Amino acid sequence: EMTQINQQSRHLIEQTIQNVRTITRDLLPATLEHFGLVTAIQETCELLNNHNRLKIDFQAQLPESRLSPHIELAVYRIIRELLNNTYKYAE
């Protein structure tokens, strides 16, 4: 019985660690910081396309120069929330 409890505890800890990593990546992905908004959104769309039935065809028409980090982060989070809500409520 102790072995089973130990295994369940390890599994829960591993799940928690994975969830924290996912949340951290979603809130401020390294791609956004290093490569910009368009690349971060493309990466997010690719990840979602690999794990969902709906497919996203992302196209961007932004200037070559980067926006301020605060604006990029705000826009990224808005788009991420829109995508999450679409997948959550789409039939």
PDB file of N, CA and C in Angstrom:
ATOM      1  N   GLU A   1       0.821  -1.194   0.000  1.00  0.00           N
ATOM      2  CA  GLU A   1       0.000   0.000   0.000  1.00  0.00           C
ATOM      3  C   GLU A   1       0.868   1.263   0.000  1.00  0.00           C
ATOM      4  N   MET A   2       1.951   1.256   0.744  1.00  0.00           N
ATOM      5  CA  MET A   2       2.854   2.410   0.782  1.00  0.00           C
ATOM      6  C   MET A   2       3.509   2.633  -0.577  1.00  0.00           C
ATOM      7  N   THR A   3       3.823   1.553  -1.272  1.00  0.00           N
ATOM      8  CA  THR A   3       4.414   1.666  -2.600  1.00  0.00           C
ATOM      9  C   THR A   3       3.441   2.340  -3.562  1.00  0.00           C
ATOM     10  N   GLN A   4       2.184   1.964  -3.479  1.00  0.00           N
ATOM     11  CA  GLN A   4       1.172   2.556  -4.349  1.00  0.00           C
ATOM     12  C   GLN A   4       0.996   4.052  -4.033  1.00  0.00           C
ATOM     13  N   ILE A   5       0.963   4.399  -2.774  1.00  0.00           N
ATOM     14  CA  ILE A   5       0.835   5.805  -2.372  1.00  0.00           C
ATOM     15  C   ILE A   5       2.046   6.598  -2.850  1.00  0.00           C
ATOM     16  N   ASN A   6       3.214   5.996  -2.730  1.00  0.00           N
ATOM     17  CA  ASN A   6       4.445   6.637  -3.195  1.00  0.00           C
ATOM     18  C   ASN A   6       4.389   6.878  -4.702  1.00  0.00           C
ATOM     19  N   GLN A   7       3.951   5.899  -5.465  1.00  0.00           N
ATOM     20  CA  GLN A   7       3.847   6.038  -6.917  1.00  0.00           C
ATOM     21  C   GLN A   7       2.829   7.114  -7.306  1.00  0.00           C
ATOM     22  N   GLN A   8       1.699   7.129  -6.624  1.00  0.00           N
ATOM     23  CA  GLN A   8       0.675   8.139  -6.898  1.00  0.00           C
ATOM     24  C   GLN A   8       1.198   9.537  -6.569  1.00  0.00           C
ATOM     25  N   SER A   9       1.920   9.643  -5.466  1.00  0.00           N
ATOM     26  CA  SER A   9       2.495  10.934  -5.076  1.00  0.00           C
ATOM     27  C   SER A   9       3.503  11.418  -6.112  1.00  0.00           C
ATOM     28  N   ARG A  10       4.349  10.527  -6.564  1.00  0.00           N
ATOM     29  CA  ARG A  10       5.333  10.879  -7.601  1.00  0.00           C
ATOM     30  C   ARG A  10       4.634  11.334  -8.882  1.00  0.00           C
ATOM     31  N   HIS A  11       3.590  10.622  -9.248  1.00  0.00           N
ATOM     32  CA  HIS A  11       2.847  10.978 -10.452  1.00  0.00           C
ATOM     33  C   HIS A  11       2.223  12.374 -10.311  1.00  0.00           C
ATOM     34  N   LEU A  12       1.631  12.654  -9.170  1.00  0.00           N
ATOM     35  CA  LEU A  12       1.033  13.969  -8.934  1.00  0.00           C
ATOM     36  C   LEU A  12       2.081  15.079  -8.953  1.00  0.00           C
ATOM     37  N   ILE A  13       3.229  14.818  -8.381  1.00  0.00           N
ATOM     38  CA  ILE A  13       4.315  15.799  -8.388  1.00  0.00           C
ATOM     39  C   ILE A  13       4.791  16.052  -9.815  1.00  0.00           C
ATOM     40  N   GLU A  14       4.969  15.005 -10.597  1.00  0.00           N
ATOM     41  CA  GLU A  14       5.388  15.158 -11.988  1.00  0.00           C
ATOM     42  C   GLU A  14       4.354  15.940 -12.790  1.00  0.00           C
ATOM     43  N   GLN A  15       3.074  15.668 -12.564  1.00  0.00           N
ATOM     44  CA  GLN A  15       2.010  16.402 -13.241  1.00  0.00           C
ATOM     45  C   GLN A  15       2.036  17.875 -12.853  1.00  0.00           C
ATOM     46  N   THR A  16       2.234  18.151 -11.589  1.00  0.00           N
ATOM     47  CA  THR A  16       2.289  19.521 -11.102  1.00  0.00           C
ATOM     48  C   THR A  16       3.446  20.278 -11.728  1.00  0.00           C
ATOM     49  N   ILE A  17       4.598  19.651 -11.781  1.00  0.00           N
ATOM     50  CA  ILE A  17       5.772  20.272 -12.409  1.00  0.00           C
ATOM     51  C   ILE A  17       5.484  20.580 -13.874  1.00  0.00           C
ATOM     52  N   GLN A  18       4.892  19.644 -14.583  1.00  0.00           N
ATOM     53  CA  GLN A  18       4.569  19.853 -15.992  1.00  0.00           C
ATOM     54  C   GLN A  18       3.565  20.991 -16.155  1.00  0.00           C
ATOM     55  N   ASN A  19       2.564  21.044 -15.285  1.00  0.00           N
ATOM     56  CA  ASN A  19       1.575  22.119 -15.350  1.00  0.00           C
ATOM     57  C   ASN A  19       2.208  23.486 -15.093  1.00  0.00           C
ATOM     58  N   VAL A  20       3.101  23.566 -14.138  1.00  0.00           N
ATOM     59  CA  VAL A  20       3.786  24.833 -13.848  1.00  0.00           C
ATOM     60  C   VAL A  20       4.626  25.259 -15.042  1.00  0.00           C
ATOM     61  N   ARG A  21       5.326  24.333 -15.653  1.00  0.00           N
ATOM     62  CA  ARG A  21       6.120  24.648 -16.845  1.00  0.00           C
ATOM     63  C   ARG A  21       5.240  25.151 -17.976  1.00  0.00           C
ATOM     64  N   THR A  22       4.113  24.507 -18.178  1.00  0.00           N
ATOM     65  CA  THR A  22       3.187  24.914 -19.236  1.00  0.00           C
ATOM     66  C   THR A  22       2.648  26.312 -18.966  1.00  0.00           C
ATOM     67  N   ILE A  23       2.240  26.566 -17.755  1.00  0.00           N
ATOM     68  CA  ILE A  23       1.711  27.888 -17.406  1.00  0.00           C
ATOM     69  C   ILE A  23       2.776  28.959 -17.587  1.00  0.00           C
ATOM     70  N   THR A  24       3.975  28.680 -17.140  1.00  0.00           N
ATOM     71  CA  THR A  24       5.072  29.637 -17.281  1.00  0.00           C
ATOM     72  C   THR A  24       5.352  29.928 -18.746  1.00  0.00           C
ATOM     73  N   ARG A  25       5.406  28.875 -19.555  1.00  0.00           N
ATOM     74  CA  ARG A  25       5.665  29.052 -20.985  1.00  0.00           C
ATOM     75  C   ARG A  25       4.552  29.851 -21.645  1.00  0.00           C
ATOM     76  N   ASP A  26       3.310  29.600 -21.250  1.00  0.00           N
ATOM     77  CA  ASP A  26       2.177  30.295 -21.841  1.00  0.00           C
ATOM     78  C   ASP A  26       2.135  31.766 -21.445  1.00  0.00           C
ATOM     79  N   LEU A  27       2.533  32.080 -20.228  1.00  0.00           N
ATOM     80  CA  LEU A  27       2.489  33.470 -19.778  1.00  0.00           C
ATOM     81  C   LEU A  27       3.585  34.320 -20.409  1.00  0.00           C
ATOM     82  N   LEU A  28       4.755  33.760 -20.564  1.00  0.00           N
ATOM     83  CA  LEU A  28       5.858  34.489 -21.183  1.00  0.00           C
ATOM     84  C   LEU A  28       6.752  33.502 -21.920  1.00  0.00           C
ATOM     85  N   PRO A  29       6.336  33.111 -23.132  1.00  0.00           N
ATOM     86  CA  PRO A  29       7.140  32.131 -23.863  1.00  0.00           C
ATOM     87  C   PRO A  29       8.494  32.717 -24.268  1.00  0.00           C
ATOM     88  N   ALA A  30       9.515  31.897 -24.201  1.00  0.00           N
ATOM     89  CA  ALA A  30      10.861  32.330 -24.578  1.00  0.00           C
ATOM     90  C   ALA A  30      10.898  32.791 -26.029  1.00  0.00           C
ATOM     91  N   THR A  31      10.099  32.164 -26.866  1.00  0.00           N
ATOM     92  CA  THR A  31      10.061  32.547 -28.280  1.00  0.00           C
ATOM     93  C   THR A  31       9.628  33.991 -28.438  1.00  0.00           C
ATOM     94  N   LEU A  32       8.662  34.426 -27.657  1.00  0.00           N
ATOM     95  CA  LEU A  32       8.203  35.816 -27.722  1.00  0.00           C
ATOM     96  C   LEU A  32       9.331  36.755 -27.344  1.00  0.00           C
ATOM     97  N   GLU A  33      10.000  36.438 -26.285  1.00  0.00           N
ATOM     98  CA  GLU A  33      11.086  37.290 -25.805  1.00  0.00           C
ATOM     99  C   GLU A  33      12.245  37.364 -26.803  1.00  0.00           C
ATOM    100  N   HIS A  34      12.598  36.223 -27.404  1.00  0.00           N
ATOM    101  CA  HIS A  34      13.772  36.171 -28.262  1.00  0.00           C
ATOM    102  C   HIS A  34      13.505  36.475 -29.738  1.00  0.00           C
ATOM    103  N   PHE A  35      12.337  36.056 -30.238  1.00  0.00           N
ATOM    104  CA  PHE A  35      12.092  36.149 -31.673  1.00  0.00           C
ATOM    105  C   PHE A  35      10.918  37.034 -32.057  1.00  0.00           C
ATOM    106  N   GLY A  36      10.104  37.433 -31.108  1.00  0.00           N
ATOM    107  CA  GLY A  36       9.027  38.357 -31.397  1.00  0.00           C
ATOM    108  C   GLY A  36       7.655  37.729 -31.468  1.00  0.00           C
ATOM    109  N   LEU A  37       6.677  38.609 -31.663  1.00  0.00           N
ATOM    110  CA  LEU A  37       5.269  38.252 -31.598  1.00  0.00           C
ATOM    111  C   LEU A  37       4.855  37.254 -32.682  1.00  0.00           C
ATOM    112  N   VAL A  38       5.234  37.517 -33.906  1.00  0.00           N
ATOM    113  CA  VAL A  38       4.790  36.655 -35.010  1.00  0.00           C
ATOM    114  C   VAL A  38       5.293  35.230 -34.820  1.00  0.00           C
ATOM    115  N   THR A  39       6.551  35.073 -34.496  1.00  0.00           N
ATOM    116  CA  THR A  39       7.122  33.745 -34.301  1.00  0.00           C
ATOM    117  C   THR A  39       6.468  33.040 -33.114  1.00  0.00           C
ATOM    118  N   ALA A  40       6.203  33.773 -32.043  1.00  0.00           N
ATOM    119  CA  ALA A  40       5.559  33.176 -30.869  1.00  0.00           C
ATOM    120  C   ALA A  40       4.146  32.701 -31.200  1.00  0.00           C
ATOM    121  N   ILE A  41       3.408  33.486 -31.960  1.00  0.00           N
ATOM    122  CA  ILE A  41       2.054  33.084 -32.344  1.00  0.00           C
ATOM    123  C   ILE A  41       2.110  31.887 -33.290  1.00  0.00           C
ATOM    124  N   GLN A  42       3.052  31.901 -34.229  1.00  0.00           N
ATOM    125  CA  GLN A  42       3.202  30.753 -35.133  1.00  0.00           C
ATOM    126  C   GLN A  42       3.497  29.486 -34.347  1.00  0.00           C
ATOM    127  N   GLU A  43       4.377  29.573 -33.375  1.00  0.00           N
ATOM    128  CA  GLU A  43       4.716  28.413 -32.555  1.00  0.00           C
ATOM    129  C   GLU A  43       3.497  27.914 -31.777  1.00  0.00           C
ATOM    130  N   THR A  44       2.748  28.836 -31.219  1.00  0.00           N
ATOM    131  CA  THR A  44       1.532  28.469 -30.477  1.00  0.00           C
ATOM    132  C   THR A  44       0.537  27.778 -31.392  1.00  0.00           C
ATOM    133  N   CYS A  45       0.348  28.308 -32.583  1.00  0.00           N
ATOM    134  CA  CYS A  45      -0.581  27.704 -33.542  1.00  0.00           C
ATOM    135  C   CYS A  45      -0.132  26.300 -33.933  1.00  0.00           C
ATOM    136  N   GLU A  46       1.163  26.124 -34.143  1.00  0.00           N
ATOM    137  CA  GLU A  46       1.677  24.797 -34.482  1.00  0.00           C
ATOM    138  C   GLU A  46       1.426  23.803 -33.350  1.00  0.00           C
ATOM    139  N   LEU A  47       1.658  24.233 -32.114  1.00  0.00           N
ATOM    140  CA  LEU A  47       1.407  23.349 -30.970  1.00  0.00           C
ATOM    141  C   LEU A  47      -0.068  22.975 -30.888  1.00  0.00           C
ATOM    142  N   LEU A  48      -0.937  23.952 -31.057  1.00  0.00           N
ATOM    143  CA  LEU A  48      -2.369  23.679 -31.001  1.00  0.00           C
ATOM    144  C   LEU A  48      -2.810  22.801 -32.170  1.00  0.00           C
ATOM    145  N   ASN A  49      -2.247  23.027 -33.335  1.00  0.00           N
ATOM    146  CA  ASN A  49      -2.591  22.209 -34.499  1.00  0.00           C
ATOM    147  C   ASN A  49      -2.195  20.751 -34.299  1.00  0.00           C
ATOM    148  N   ASN A  50      -1.138  20.523 -33.559  1.00  0.00           N
ATOM    149  CA  ASN A  50      -0.678  19.154 -33.316  1.00  0.00           C
ATOM    150  C   ASN A  50      -1.521  18.417 -32.288  1.00  0.00           C
ATOM    151  N   HIS A  51      -2.314  19.153 -31.503  1.00  0.00           N
ATOM    152  CA  HIS A  51      -3.040  18.526 -30.406  1.00  0.00           C
ATOM    153  C   HIS A  51      -4.556  18.692 -30.483  1.00  0.00           C
ATOM    154  N   ASN A  52      -5.063  19.253 -31.555  1.00  0.00           N
ATOM    155  CA  ASN A  52      -6.495  19.514 -31.631  1.00  0.00           C
ATOM    156  C   ASN A  52      -7.040  19.169 -33.012  1.00  0.00           C
ATOM    157  N   ARG A  53      -8.347  19.013 -33.067  1.00  0.00           N
ATOM    158  CA  ARG A  53      -9.000  18.706 -34.339  1.00  0.00           C
ATOM    159  C   ARG A  53      -9.057  19.923 -35.258  1.00  0.00           C
ATOM    160  N   LEU A  54      -9.330  21.088 -34.679  1.00  0.00           N
ATOM    161  CA  LEU A  54      -9.375  22.303 -35.485  1.00  0.00           C
ATOM    162  C   LEU A  54      -7.965  22.684 -35.912  1.00  0.00           C
ATOM    163  N   LYS A  55      -7.869  23.292 -37.072  1.00  0.00           N
ATOM    164  CA  LYS A  55      -6.560  23.711 -37.559  1.00  0.00           C
ATOM    165  C   LYS A  55      -6.543  25.225 -37.744  1.00  0.00           C
ATOM    166  N   ILE A  56      -5.446  25.825 -37.352  1.00  0.00           N
ATOM    167  CA  ILE A  56      -5.275  27.267 -37.441  1.00  0.00           C
ATOM    168  C   ILE A  56      -4.360  27.574 -38.614  1.00  0.00           C
ATOM    169  N   ASP A  57      -4.792  28.504 -39.454  1.00  0.00           N
ATOM    170  CA  ASP A  57      -3.963  29.001 -40.545  1.00  0.00           C
ATOM    171  C   ASP A  57      -3.609  30.448 -40.199  1.00  0.00           C
ATOM    172  N   PHE A  58      -2.470  30.625 -39.567  1.00  0.00           N
ATOM    173  CA  PHE A  58      -2.053  31.946 -39.091  1.00  0.00           C
ATOM    174  C   PHE A  58      -1.272  32.671 -40.166  1.00  0.00           C
ATOM    175  N   GLN A  59      -1.678  33.910 -40.445  1.00  0.00           N
ATOM    176  CA  GLN A  59      -0.964  34.770 -41.378  1.00  0.00           C
ATOM    177  C   GLN A  59      -0.821  36.139 -40.737  1.00  0.00           C
ATOM    178  N   ALA A  60       0.358  36.723 -40.834  1.00  0.00           N
ATOM    179  CA  ALA A  60       0.611  38.017 -40.201  1.00  0.00           C
ATOM    180  C   ALA A  60       1.096  39.027 -41.221  1.00  0.00           C
ATOM    181  N   GLN A  61       0.678  40.245 -41.018  1.00  0.00           N
ATOM    182  CA  GLN A  61       1.147  41.356 -41.837  1.00  0.00           C
ATOM    183  C   GLN A  61       1.566  42.477 -40.891  1.00  0.00           C
ATOM    184  N   LEU A  62       2.688  42.276 -40.256  1.00  0.00           N
ATOM    185  CA  LEU A  62       3.216  43.252 -39.318  1.00  0.00           C
ATOM    186  C   LEU A  62       4.521  43.821 -39.858  1.00  0.00           C
ATOM    187  N   PRO A  63       4.867  45.015 -39.432  1.00  0.00           N
ATOM    188  CA  PRO A  63       6.158  45.571 -39.865  1.00  0.00           C
ATOM    189  C   PRO A  63       7.321  44.725 -39.360  1.00  0.00           C
ATOM    190  N   GLU A  64       8.447  44.868 -40.009  1.00  0.00           N
ATOM    191  CA  GLU A  64       9.639  44.098 -39.633  1.00  0.00           C
ATOM    192  C   GLU A  64      10.105  44.435 -38.221  1.00  0.00           C
ATOM    193  N   SER A  65       9.956  45.684 -37.817  1.00  0.00           N
ATOM    194  CA  SER A  65      10.433  46.084 -36.494  1.00  0.00           C
ATOM    195  C   SER A  65       9.538  45.516 -35.403  1.00  0.00           C
ATOM    196  N   ARG A  66      10.123  45.294 -34.266  1.00  0.00           N
ATOM    197  CA  ARG A  66       9.392  44.729 -33.130  1.00  0.00           C
ATOM    198  C   ARG A  66       8.613  45.817 -32.420  1.00  0.00           C
ATOM    199  N   LEU A  67       7.500  45.402 -31.827  1.00  0.00           N
ATOM    200  CA  LEU A  67       6.729  46.283 -30.969  1.00  0.00           C
ATOM    201  C   LEU A  67       7.386  46.304 -29.590  1.00  0.00           C
ATOM    202  N   SER A  68       6.924  47.172 -28.723  1.00  0.00           N
ATOM    203  CA  SER A  68       7.498  47.185 -27.371  1.00  0.00           C
ATOM    204  C   SER A  68       7.179  45.854 -26.692  1.00  0.00           C
ATOM    205  N   PRO A  69       8.044  45.411 -25.799  1.00  0.00           N
ATOM    206  CA  PRO A  69       7.813  44.124 -25.120  1.00  0.00           C
ATOM    207  C   PRO A  69       6.460  44.048 -24.412  1.00  0.00           C
ATOM    208  N   HIS A  70       6.026  45.148 -23.820  1.00  0.00           N
ATOM    209  CA  HIS A  70       4.734  45.145 -23.118  1.00  0.00           C
ATOM    210  C   HIS A  70       3.574  44.944 -24.086  1.00  0.00           C
ATOM    211  N   ILE A  71       3.649  45.581 -25.241  1.00  0.00           N
ATOM    212  CA  ILE A  71       2.577  45.443 -26.235  1.00  0.00           C
ATOM    213  C   ILE A  71       2.597  44.043 -26.823  1.00  0.00           C
ATOM    214  N   GLU A  72       3.786  43.537 -27.149  1.00  0.00           N
ATOM    215  CA  GLU A  72       3.875  42.173 -27.685  1.00  0.00           C
ATOM    216  C   GLU A  72       3.295  41.162 -26.704  1.00  0.00           C
ATOM    217  N   LEU A  73       3.621  41.301 -25.440  1.00  0.00           N
ATOM    218  CA  LEU A  73       3.119  40.366 -24.433  1.00  0.00           C
ATOM    219  C   LEU A  73       1.602  40.475 -24.306  1.00  0.00           C
ATOM    220  N   ALA A  74       1.073  41.689 -24.294  1.00  0.00           N
ATOM    221  CA  ALA A  74      -0.378  41.877 -24.181  1.00  0.00           C
ATOM    222  C   ALA A  74      -1.098  41.278 -25.382  1.00  0.00           C
ATOM    223  N   VAL A  75      -0.596  41.542 -26.583  1.00  0.00           N
ATOM    224  CA  VAL A  75      -1.221  41.006 -27.796  1.00  0.00           C
ATOM    225  C   VAL A  75      -1.120  39.483 -27.809  1.00  0.00           C
ATOM    226  N   TYR A  76       0.033  38.946 -27.423  1.00  0.00           N
ATOM    227  CA  TYR A  76       0.203  37.493 -27.374  1.00  0.00           C
ATOM    228  C   TYR A  76      -0.817  36.862 -26.429  1.00  0.00           C
ATOM    229  N   ARG A  77      -0.964  37.429 -25.250  1.00  0.00           N
ATOM    230  CA  ARG A  77      -1.898  36.866 -24.271  1.00  0.00           C
ATOM    231  C   ARG A  77      -3.343  36.955 -24.744  1.00  0.00           C
ATOM    232  N   ILE A  78      -3.688  38.050 -25.415  1.00  0.00           N
ATOM    233  CA  ILE A  78      -5.045  38.194 -25.955  1.00  0.00           C
ATOM    234  C   ILE A  78      -5.300  37.133 -27.012  1.00  0.00           C
ATOM    235  N   ILE A  79      -4.357  36.968 -27.932  1.00  0.00           N
ATOM    236  CA  ILE A  79      -4.519  35.967 -28.994  1.00  0.00           C
ATOM    237  C   ILE A  79      -4.563  34.566 -28.393  1.00  0.00           C
ATOM    238  N   ARG A  80      -3.719  34.308 -27.429  1.00  0.00           N
ATOM    239  CA  ARG A  80      -3.708  32.992 -26.771  1.00  0.00           C
ATOM    240  C   ARG A  80      -5.066  32.700 -26.117  1.00  0.00           C
ATOM    241  N   GLU A  81      -5.631  33.694 -25.458  1.00  0.00           N
ATOM    242  CA  GLU A  81      -6.930  33.520 -24.817  1.00  0.00           C
ATOM    243  C   GLU A  81      -8.028  33.303 -25.859  1.00  0.00           C
ATOM    244  N   LEU A  82      -7.967  34.037 -26.966  1.00  0.00           N
ATOM    245  CA  LEU A  82      -8.939  33.835 -28.042  1.00  0.00           C
ATOM    246  C   LEU A  82      -8.855  32.418 -28.604  1.00  0.00           C
ATOM    247  N   LEU A  83      -7.648  31.931 -28.805  1.00  0.00           N
ATOM    248  CA  LEU A  83      -7.468  30.575 -29.319  1.00  0.00           C
ATOM    249  C   LEU A  83      -7.970  29.542 -28.317  1.00  0.00           C
ATOM    250  N   ASN A  84      -7.636  29.732 -27.045  1.00  0.00           N
ATOM    251  CA  ASN A  84      -8.093  28.787 -26.021  1.00  0.00           C
ATOM    252  C   ASN A  84      -9.617  28.758 -25.940  1.00  0.00           C
ATOM    253  N   ASN A  85     -10.244  29.922 -25.982  1.00  0.00           N
ATOM    254  CA  ASN A  85     -11.706  29.974 -25.925  1.00  0.00           C
ATOM    255  C   ASN A  85     -12.331  29.341 -27.164  1.00  0.00           C
ATOM    256  N   THR A  86     -11.715  29.541 -28.309  1.00  0.00           N
ATOM    257  CA  THR A  86     -12.229  28.940 -29.545  1.00  0.00           C
ATOM    258  C   THR A  86     -12.216  27.426 -29.429  1.00  0.00           C
ATOM    259  N   TYR A  87     -11.085  26.862 -28.987  1.00  0.00           N
ATOM    260  CA  TYR A  87     -11.008  25.416 -28.848  1.00  0.00           C
ATOM    261  C   TYR A  87     -11.928  24.888 -27.759  1.00  0.00           C
ATOM    262  N   LYS A  88     -12.073  25.665 -26.709  1.00  0.00           N
ATOM    263  CA  LYS A  88     -12.893  25.222 -25.590  1.00  0.00           C
ATOM    264  C   LYS A  88     -14.371  25.152 -25.968  1.00  0.00           C
ATOM    265  N   TYR A  89     -14.842  26.139 -26.742  1.00  0.00           N
ATOM    266  CA  TYR A  89     -16.274  26.222 -27.018  1.00  0.00           C
ATOM    267  C   TYR A  89     -16.662  25.811 -28.421  1.00  0.00           C
ATOM    268  N   ALA A  90     -15.703  25.535 -29.283  1.00  0.00           N
ATOM    269  CA  ALA A  90     -16.015  25.128 -30.660  1.00  0.00           C
ATOM    270  C   ALA A  90     -16.574  23.706 -30.666  1.00  0.00           C
ATOM    271  N   GLU A  91     -17.495  23.466 -31.554  1.00  0.00           N
ATOM    272  CA  GLU A  91     -18.030  22.099 -31.683  1.00  0.00           C
ATOM    273  C   GLU A  91     -17.510  21.532 -32.961  1.00  0.00           C
TER     274      GLU A  91
END
